[in-house]
Amino acid sequence: MMNMDKFKKFNSMAGSYVLIAACFFIPLSTSLMGLFAALVVLFWLGSGNFKDIGALFKSSPISAASILLFLVFIAGLFYSPASLEEGIDALKKYRELIYFPIVMSSALHHRKNAAMAINAFFLGCIVSLLASYGMFLDLIPSERYGHGITYHITHSFFMAILAFWLFHKVFSSKAKLWLWFPLLLLTVSNIIFIAPGRTGMIAFLLLMLLFCCQKFAWKQLMFAFVFFALAITVFVYSSKNFSGRLQEAFHEIQTYEHGSSRTSLGMRFDWWQGSVALIQQKPFWGHGTGSFTQEHDRLIKGSNTKATDNPHNEYLFIAVQLGVLGLLLFLGLFAGGWYTSLQLDKQRRWLVQGVILSMAAGCLMNSFLFDSHQGHYFAFLSGLLLLPTSLKT
């Protein structure tokens, strides 16, 4: 019995350390992130901490909603027109849903390491930031992603999160201001002048509005918004990267023609319209897990619309596959997380609200739960930040 207890304790402690490593690699490496995330599950099973799941479901709406949504994805396999292999491939893309309660359960037993895991994620973002400047200055090879280790959408998105975190660091305490303020300037400059990802730019602007609402009283808020508007004006006139990407977006909207546009936004508009048509065909239960590619190909047959494996909008993507039920459960992740955040201390509440807003906004233009880096980010950071304080181990 003693040997078994030692085995469980070892697995529990090891799981908390690989959790730190997984968070560090979320903004940096798909393969290492996936490896350490799998080790989190493996050590969690060996620790016996799965006994916490029932209590977590009662105290954490987001963990309950995540597992329910994953179960609905499993049920969707049975009525999907896609082959079983295609359906399982799609299901594996949503494996992040099972991480919500697993991360919480692992962190419950090692709360100090849970705090280290959150910091490890932002350390990974800082490493990504410095690597981006290294590429921009030709100190290290740029490779296929331009000035970022990861794809430009992913890089700019994580830079927006990093900027939000650093704003709170700068305004919340004078401690280590010599470190946080230069990092903040570097991060904002990276988003505005270097990183071409429009999703990250939009996420950054929304997070800055959220920061103003979180940090300033009503009387101060007006001045904060004026400063915010002036900052955007400066960005537009000083950065070809920022203004050029905005002008490109406006041009793509103005010149959009159904079925014939091959711009980033133009193709998205086609895919969104097709998704709405597919949802109208089966609004309640959807077409099934992994059905999007086949159903969309059937819908656009004979037209000029470009084929795709997802509509680059997570809300529509889930609704096509799982109908209104799946969409409501997905929205429940955001609603449940936001509701729970209101019961937390200020620092954790502000940060988790930033995580939820950034993910919710990103899912409008991309299928972020389906995407690996952003899906892991949402599951791991939400699980760590929304850790129930009332549960004892």
Protein backbone atom coordinates (compact mmCIF):
# COMPACT_ATOMS: atom_id res chain seq x y z
CA MET A 1 0.00 0.00 0.00
CA MET A 2 2.85 2.37 0.86
CA ASN A 3 4.52 1.72 -2.49
CA MET A 4 1.26 2.55 -4.27
CA ASP A 5 0.96 5.78 -2.29
CA LYS A 6 4.49 6.77 -3.27
CA PHE A 7 3.73 5.92 -6.88
CA LYS A 8 0.66 8.16 -6.85
CA LYS A 9 2.52 11.01 -5.15
CA PHE A 10 5.33 10.77 -7.70
CA ASN A 11 2.89 10.89 -10.58
CA SER A 12 1.01 13.79 -9.02
CA MET A 13 4.19 15.83 -8.55
CA ALA A 14 5.59 14.89 -11.96
CA GLY A 15 2.29 15.86 -13.54
CA SER A 16 2.51 19.34 -12.05
CA TYR A 17 5.97 19.84 -13.53
CA VAL A 18 5.10 18.64 -17.02
CA LEU A 19 2.09 20.97 -16.79
CA ILE A 20 4.57 23.84 -16.40
CA ALA A 21 6.50 22.60 -19.44
CA ALA A 22 3.33 22.23 -21.52
CA CYS A 23 2.32 25.82 -20.78
CA PHE A 24 5.79 27.10 -21.65
CA PHE A 25 5.68 25.48 -25.09
CA ILE A 26 2.12 26.53 -26.02
CA PRO A 27 3.31 29.71 -27.82
CA LEU A 28 6.47 28.04 -29.15
CA SER A 29 6.23 24.47 -30.42
CA THR A 30 3.36 22.26 -31.58
CA SER A 31 5.24 19.00 -31.07
CA LEU A 32 6.66 19.79 -27.61
CA MET A 33 3.35 21.28 -26.47
CA GLY A 34 1.57 18.10 -27.58
CA LEU A 35 4.18 15.86 -25.94
CA PHE A 36 3.99 17.52 -22.54
CA ALA A 37 0.19 17.81 -22.71
CA ALA A 38 0.02 14.05 -23.28
CA LEU A 39 2.36 13.53 -20.30
CA VAL A 40 0.01 15.67 -18.17
CA VAL A 41 -2.79 13.18 -18.93
CA LEU A 42 -0.53 10.17 -18.35
CA PHE A 43 0.72 11.34 -14.95
CA TRP A 44 -2.79 12.44 -14.00
CA LEU A 45 -4.06 8.91 -14.58
CA GLY A 46 -1.16 7.46 -12.55
CA SER A 47 -1.75 9.87 -9.68
CA GLY A 48 -5.33 8.79 -9.03
CA ASN A 49 -6.38 12.45 -9.05
CA PHE A 50 -9.27 11.60 -11.35
CA LYS A 51 -11.27 11.14 -8.16
CA ASP A 52 -11.55 14.95 -8.12
CA ILE A 53 -13.60 15.05 -11.32
CA GLY A 54 -17.05 14.78 -9.68
CA ALA A 55 -16.34 17.66 -7.30
CA LEU A 56 -14.87 19.74 -10.12
CA PHE A 57 -17.99 19.31 -12.23
CA LYS A 58 -20.11 20.65 -9.36
CA SER A 59 -17.91 23.65 -8.62
CA SER A 60 -16.64 24.51 -12.12
CA PRO A 61 -19.18 25.20 -14.90
CA ILE A 62 -16.45 25.43 -17.53
CA SER A 63 -15.10 21.93 -16.83
CA ALA A 64 -18.60 20.43 -16.93
CA ALA A 65 -19.44 22.23 -20.19
CA SER A 66 -16.16 21.12 -21.79
CA ILE A 67 -16.77 17.43 -21.10
CA LEU A 68 -20.40 17.65 -22.18
CA LEU A 69 -19.33 19.25 -25.45
CA PHE A 70 -16.72 16.53 -26.01
CA LEU A 71 -19.37 13.85 -25.37
CA VAL A 72 -21.64 15.52 -27.93
CA PHE A 73 -18.74 15.38 -30.41
CA ILE A 74 -18.47 11.65 -29.70
CA ALA A 75 -22.22 11.25 -30.24
CA GLY A 76 -21.85 13.16 -33.51
CA LEU A 77 -19.68 10.35 -34.86
CA PHE A 78 -22.71 8.06 -35.05
CA TYR A 79 -24.75 10.18 -37.47
CA SER A 80 -21.99 11.89 -39.43
CA PRO A 81 -21.78 11.20 -43.19
CA ALA A 82 -17.99 11.26 -42.83
CA SER A 83 -16.12 7.98 -42.48
CA LEU A 84 -15.27 6.83 -38.97
CA GLU A 85 -11.62 7.61 -39.63
CA GLU A 86 -12.44 11.17 -40.73
CA GLY A 87 -14.76 11.64 -37.76
CA ILE A 88 -12.13 10.47 -35.28
CA ASP A 89 -9.54 12.75 -36.90
CA ALA A 90 -11.91 15.68 -36.30
CA LEU A 91 -12.63 14.50 -32.75
CA LYS A 92 -8.90 14.41 -31.96
CA LYS A 93 -8.68 18.07 -32.95
CA TYR A 94 -11.05 18.83 -30.08
CA ARG A 95 -9.12 16.81 -27.49
CA GLU A 96 -8.33 20.08 -25.70
CA LEU A 97 -11.84 19.91 -24.26
CA ILE A 98 -10.86 17.07 -21.94
CA TYR A 99 -7.91 19.10 -20.63
CA PHE A 100 -10.09 21.56 -18.70
CA PRO A 101 -10.88 19.22 -15.76
CA ILE A 102 -7.55 17.36 -16.05
CA VAL A 103 -5.55 20.58 -15.70
CA MET A 104 -7.73 21.68 -12.78
CA SER A 105 -7.42 18.30 -11.06
CA SER A 106 -3.63 18.27 -11.48
CA ALA A 107 -3.29 21.84 -10.24
CA LEU A 108 -5.52 21.31 -7.19
CA HIS A 109 -2.79 19.28 -5.51
CA HIS A 110 0.09 21.63 -6.37
CA ARG A 111 -1.20 25.20 -6.35
CA LYS A 112 2.29 26.76 -6.28
CA ASN A 113 3.24 24.86 -9.40
CA ALA A 114 -0.07 25.95 -10.96
CA ALA A 115 1.01 29.57 -10.51
CA MET A 116 4.38 28.69 -12.03
CA ALA A 117 2.60 27.13 -15.03
CA ILE A 118 0.75 30.39 -15.72
CA ASN A 119 4.02 32.32 -15.54
CA ALA A 120 5.66 29.68 -17.77
CA PHE A 121 3.14 30.42 -20.51
CA PHE A 122 3.99 34.12 -20.45
CA LEU A 123 7.71 33.29 -20.33
CA GLY A 124 7.14 31.27 -23.50
CA CYS A 125 5.44 34.31 -25.04
CA ILE A 126 8.45 36.46 -24.12
CA VAL A 127 10.80 33.93 -25.74
CA SER A 128 8.60 34.06 -28.86
CA LEU A 129 8.75 37.88 -28.76
CA LEU A 130 12.55 37.94 -28.54
CA ALA A 131 12.83 35.35 -31.32
CA SER A 132 10.60 37.54 -33.49
CA TYR A 133 12.95 40.49 -33.05
CA GLY A 134 15.88 38.19 -33.78
CA MET A 135 14.24 37.29 -37.10
CA PHE A 136 13.33 40.91 -37.83
CA LEU A 137 16.96 41.96 -37.30
CA ASP A 138 18.24 38.98 -39.35
CA LEU A 139 20.03 37.55 -36.32
CA ILE A 140 18.23 34.22 -36.73
CA PRO A 141 16.56 32.68 -39.82
CA SER A 142 12.95 33.74 -40.47
CA GLU A 143 11.99 30.40 -42.06
CA ARG A 144 8.46 30.04 -43.45
CA TYR A 145 6.52 32.06 -40.86
CA GLY A 146 8.15 35.42 -41.36
CA HIS A 147 9.04 37.18 -38.12
CA GLY A 148 7.70 34.52 -35.76
CA ILE A 149 8.37 30.98 -34.57
CA THR A 150 4.73 30.03 -35.12
CA TYR A 151 2.26 30.91 -37.89
CA HIS A 152 1.69 34.68 -38.09
CA ILE A 153 -1.93 34.45 -36.83
CA THR A 154 -0.81 32.43 -33.81
CA HIS A 155 2.19 34.65 -33.08
CA SER A 156 0.28 37.93 -33.20
CA PHE A 157 -2.53 36.46 -31.10
CA PHE A 158 -0.15 35.45 -28.31
CA MET A 159 1.57 38.83 -28.50
CA ALA A 160 -1.82 40.46 -27.82
CA ILE A 161 -2.24 38.28 -24.72
CA LEU A 162 1.28 39.11 -23.59
CA ALA A 163 0.64 42.84 -24.02
CA PHE A 164 -2.54 42.58 -21.92
CA TRP A 165 -0.65 40.78 -19.14
CA LEU A 166 2.20 43.30 -19.24
CA PHE A 167 -0.21 46.26 -19.08
CA HIS A 168 -1.55 44.86 -15.82
CA LYS A 169 2.00 44.27 -14.57
CA VAL A 170 2.99 47.85 -15.32
CA PHE A 171 -0.12 49.45 -13.82
CA SER A 172 -0.58 47.14 -10.82
CA SER A 173 2.79 47.42 -9.15
CA LYS A 174 6.01 49.38 -9.29
CA ALA A 175 7.95 46.20 -8.58
CA LYS A 176 10.24 45.26 -11.49
CA LEU A 177 8.91 48.15 -13.57
CA TRP A 178 12.38 48.32 -15.14
CA LEU A 179 11.60 44.90 -16.65
CA TRP A 180 7.86 45.05 -17.43
CA PHE A 181 7.76 48.46 -19.12
CA PRO A 182 10.47 47.80 -21.76
CA LEU A 183 8.89 44.40 -22.46
CA LEU A 184 5.53 46.10 -22.89
CA LEU A 185 6.97 48.58 -25.40
CA LEU A 186 8.64 45.75 -27.32
CA THR A 187 5.42 43.72 -27.37
CA VAL A 188 3.18 46.56 -28.56
CA SER A 189 5.76 47.51 -31.19
CA ASN A 190 5.88 43.91 -32.38
CA ILE A 191 2.08 43.81 -32.83
CA ILE A 192 1.87 47.19 -34.57
CA PHE A 193 5.07 47.37 -36.61
CA ILE A 194 6.23 43.78 -37.22
CA ALA A 195 3.64 41.01 -36.85
CA PRO A 196 1.23 40.94 -39.83
CA GLY A 197 -1.57 39.00 -38.11
CA ARG A 198 -4.83 40.98 -38.17
CA THR A 199 -6.41 38.62 -35.63
CA GLY A 200 -3.73 39.62 -33.15
CA MET A 201 -4.25 43.31 -33.89
CA ILE A 202 -7.99 43.02 -33.29
CA ALA A 203 -7.45 40.96 -30.13
CA PHE A 204 -4.96 43.56 -28.90
CA LEU A 205 -7.41 46.45 -29.39
CA LEU A 206 -10.24 44.56 -27.67
CA LEU A 207 -8.00 43.56 -24.78
CA MET A 208 -6.89 47.16 -24.35
CA LEU A 209 -10.53 48.23 -24.08
CA LEU A 210 -11.07 45.47 -21.52
CA PHE A 211 -7.99 46.61 -19.62
CA CYS A 212 -9.33 50.16 -19.44
CA CYS A 213 -12.70 48.93 -18.14
CA GLN A 214 -11.00 46.68 -15.56
CA LYS A 215 -8.45 49.14 -14.29
CA PHE A 216 -10.03 52.59 -14.32
CA ALA A 217 -12.98 54.09 -12.48
CA TRP A 218 -15.81 55.72 -14.44
CA LYS A 219 -14.30 59.21 -14.15
CA GLN A 220 -10.92 57.99 -15.40
CA LEU A 221 -12.42 55.84 -18.13
CA MET A 222 -13.24 58.77 -20.42
CA PHE A 223 -9.61 59.94 -20.39
CA ALA A 224 -8.44 56.35 -20.94
CA PHE A 225 -10.67 56.01 -24.01
CA VAL A 226 -9.42 59.34 -25.40
CA PHE A 227 -5.82 58.18 -24.96
CA PHE A 228 -6.74 54.86 -26.55
CA ALA A 229 -8.23 56.62 -29.61
CA LEU A 230 -5.13 58.81 -29.93
CA ALA A 231 -2.91 55.74 -29.72
CA ILE A 232 -4.81 54.07 -32.58
CA THR A 233 -4.43 57.24 -34.66
CA VAL A 234 -0.69 57.22 -34.04
CA PHE A 235 -0.52 53.54 -34.99
CA VAL A 236 -2.36 54.17 -38.26
CA TYR A 237 -0.12 57.05 -39.34
CA SER A 238 3.18 55.64 -38.10
CA SER A 239 2.96 51.97 -39.06
CA LYS A 240 2.68 50.69 -42.61
CA ASN A 241 2.17 47.23 -41.16
CA PHE A 242 -0.85 48.27 -39.07
CA SER A 243 -2.45 50.71 -41.54
CA GLY A 244 -1.66 48.48 -44.50
CA ARG A 245 -3.37 45.47 -42.98
CA LEU A 246 -6.43 47.58 -42.12
CA GLN A 247 -6.60 49.06 -45.62
CA GLU A 248 -6.21 45.58 -47.07
CA ALA A 249 -9.17 44.40 -44.99
CA PHE A 250 -11.36 47.31 -46.14
CA HIS A 251 -10.37 46.67 -49.76
CA GLU A 252 -11.23 42.97 -49.45
CA ILE A 253 -14.65 43.87 -48.07
CA GLN A 254 -15.36 46.48 -50.76
CA THR A 255 -14.30 44.24 -53.66
CA TYR A 256 -15.92 41.06 -52.38
CA GLU A 257 -17.83 39.02 -54.95
CA HIS A 258 -19.53 35.84 -53.90
CA GLY A 259 -17.70 32.75 -55.13
CA SER A 260 -15.00 34.59 -57.01
CA SER A 261 -13.02 36.47 -54.35
CA ARG A 262 -9.74 34.80 -53.43
CA THR A 263 -8.76 37.18 -50.65
CA SER A 264 -8.50 36.17 -47.01
CA LEU A 265 -11.77 37.86 -46.04
CA GLY A 266 -13.49 37.13 -49.35
CA MET A 267 -13.09 33.39 -48.98
CA ARG A 268 -14.21 33.61 -45.36
CA PHE A 269 -17.41 35.38 -46.42
CA ASP A 270 -18.12 32.54 -48.86
CA TRP A 271 -17.47 29.89 -46.22
CA TRP A 272 -19.62 31.66 -43.65
CA GLN A 273 -22.56 31.90 -46.04
CA GLY A 274 -22.17 28.24 -46.88
CA SER A 275 -22.03 27.36 -43.18
CA VAL A 276 -25.27 29.22 -42.50
CA ALA A 277 -26.94 27.29 -45.34
CA LEU A 278 -25.72 23.99 -43.86
CA ILE A 279 -26.94 24.96 -40.38
CA GLN A 280 -30.37 25.76 -41.78
CA GLN A 281 -30.55 22.24 -43.21
CA LYS A 282 -29.99 20.57 -39.81
CA PRO A 283 -30.26 23.25 -37.12
CA PHE A 284 -30.74 21.17 -33.98
CA TRP A 285 -28.24 18.29 -34.14
CA GLY A 286 -26.05 19.33 -37.07
CA HIS A 287 -24.52 17.08 -39.68
CA GLY A 288 -22.22 15.21 -37.31
CA THR A 289 -18.60 15.24 -36.20
CA GLY A 290 -16.15 15.66 -39.06
CA SER A 291 -18.93 16.30 -41.56
CA PHE A 292 -18.00 19.82 -42.59
CA THR A 293 -15.64 19.04 -45.47
CA GLN A 294 -17.99 16.58 -47.13
CA GLU A 295 -21.12 18.67 -46.64
CA HIS A 296 -19.44 21.88 -47.74
CA ASP A 297 -18.02 20.18 -50.86
CA ARG A 298 -21.54 18.97 -51.69
CA LEU A 299 -22.95 22.47 -51.17
CA ILE A 300 -20.45 24.27 -53.41
CA LYS A 301 -20.34 21.66 -56.18
CA GLY A 302 -20.53 23.42 -59.54
CA SER A 303 -19.77 26.85 -58.04
CA ASN A 304 -16.57 28.89 -57.90
CA THR A 305 -16.39 28.84 -54.09
CA LYS A 306 -13.09 27.47 -52.85
CA ALA A 307 -13.19 24.22 -50.85
CA THR A 308 -12.08 24.22 -47.20
CA ASP A 309 -11.93 21.88 -44.22
CA ASN A 310 -13.29 24.54 -41.84
CA PRO A 311 -15.08 27.89 -42.23
CA HIS A 312 -12.54 29.86 -40.16
CA ASN A 313 -15.22 30.66 -37.60
CA GLU A 314 -15.48 28.30 -34.63
CA TYR A 315 -19.10 29.18 -33.84
CA LEU A 316 -20.27 28.26 -37.33
CA PHE A 317 -17.95 25.26 -37.49
CA ILE A 318 -19.41 23.70 -34.34
CA ALA A 319 -22.98 24.60 -35.30
CA VAL A 320 -22.60 22.87 -38.68
CA GLN A 321 -21.37 19.71 -36.98
CA LEU A 322 -23.41 19.67 -33.75
CA GLY A 323 -26.23 22.14 -34.31
CA VAL A 324 -27.66 24.48 -31.72
CA LEU A 325 -26.85 22.07 -28.88
CA GLY A 326 -23.14 22.09 -29.64
CA LEU A 327 -23.10 25.85 -30.15
CA LEU A 328 -24.81 26.48 -26.79
CA LEU A 329 -22.32 24.24 -25.00
CA PHE A 330 -19.45 26.06 -26.68
CA LEU A 331 -20.89 29.41 -25.62
CA GLY A 332 -21.30 27.88 -22.17
CA LEU A 333 -17.52 27.59 -21.92
CA PHE A 334 -17.21 31.36 -22.22
CA ALA A 335 -20.26 32.19 -20.09
CA GLY A 336 -19.33 29.70 -17.36
CA GLY A 337 -15.76 30.92 -17.25
CA TRP A 338 -16.79 34.58 -17.09
CA TYR A 339 -19.34 33.89 -14.34
CA THR A 340 -16.77 31.98 -12.28
CA SER A 341 -14.22 34.76 -12.75
CA LEU A 342 -16.47 37.16 -10.83
CA GLN A 343 -15.81 35.13 -7.69
CA LEU A 344 -12.01 35.35 -7.96
CA ASP A 345 -9.53 37.90 -6.66
CA LYS A 346 -8.89 40.88 -8.93
CA GLN A 347 -5.68 39.69 -10.55
CA ARG A 348 -7.00 36.26 -11.51
CA ARG A 349 -10.39 37.70 -12.51
CA TRP A 350 -8.84 40.26 -14.85
CA LEU A 351 -6.52 37.74 -16.46
CA VAL A 352 -9.13 35.02 -17.01
CA GLN A 353 -11.49 37.58 -18.53
CA GLY A 354 -8.70 38.49 -20.94
CA VAL A 355 -8.28 34.82 -21.84
CA ILE A 356 -12.01 34.43 -22.49
CA LEU A 357 -12.38 37.66 -24.49
CA SER A 358 -9.34 36.95 -26.65
CA MET A 359 -10.52 33.42 -27.43
CA ALA A 360 -14.12 34.49 -28.08
CA ALA A 361 -12.94 37.24 -30.44
CA GLY A 362 -10.42 35.02 -32.20
CA CYS A 363 -13.10 32.40 -32.87
CA LEU A 364 -15.01 34.92 -34.99
CA MET A 365 -12.33 34.88 -37.69
CA ASN A 366 -10.70 31.49 -37.04
CA SER A 367 -11.55 28.02 -35.75
CA PHE A 368 -9.44 28.46 -32.63
CA LEU A 369 -10.75 25.53 -30.60
CA PHE A 370 -10.03 23.33 -33.62
CA ASP A 371 -6.53 24.85 -33.91
CA SER A 372 -3.90 23.27 -31.70
CA HIS A 373 -2.03 26.20 -30.11
CA GLN A 374 -5.06 28.36 -29.34
CA GLY A 375 -7.12 25.38 -28.18
CA HIS A 376 -4.42 24.34 -25.70
CA TYR A 377 -4.01 27.95 -24.59
CA PHE A 378 -7.70 28.27 -23.76
CA ALA A 379 -7.94 24.91 -21.97
CA PHE A 380 -4.74 25.18 -19.94
CA LEU A 381 -4.92 28.85 -18.95
CA SER A 382 -8.64 28.64 -18.14
CA GLY A 383 -8.11 25.48 -16.11
CA LEU A 384 -5.29 27.06 -14.11
CA LEU A 385 -6.90 30.45 -13.56
CA LEU A 386 -10.38 29.13 -12.75
CA LEU A 387 -9.09 26.63 -10.21
CA PRO A 388 -11.82 26.43 -7.50
CA THR A 389 -10.55 27.88 -4.25
CA SER A 390 -13.17 26.06 -2.19
CA LEU A 391 -11.97 22.54 -3.08
CA LYS A 392 -9.44 21.05 -0.69
CA THR A 393 -7.08 18.18 -1.40
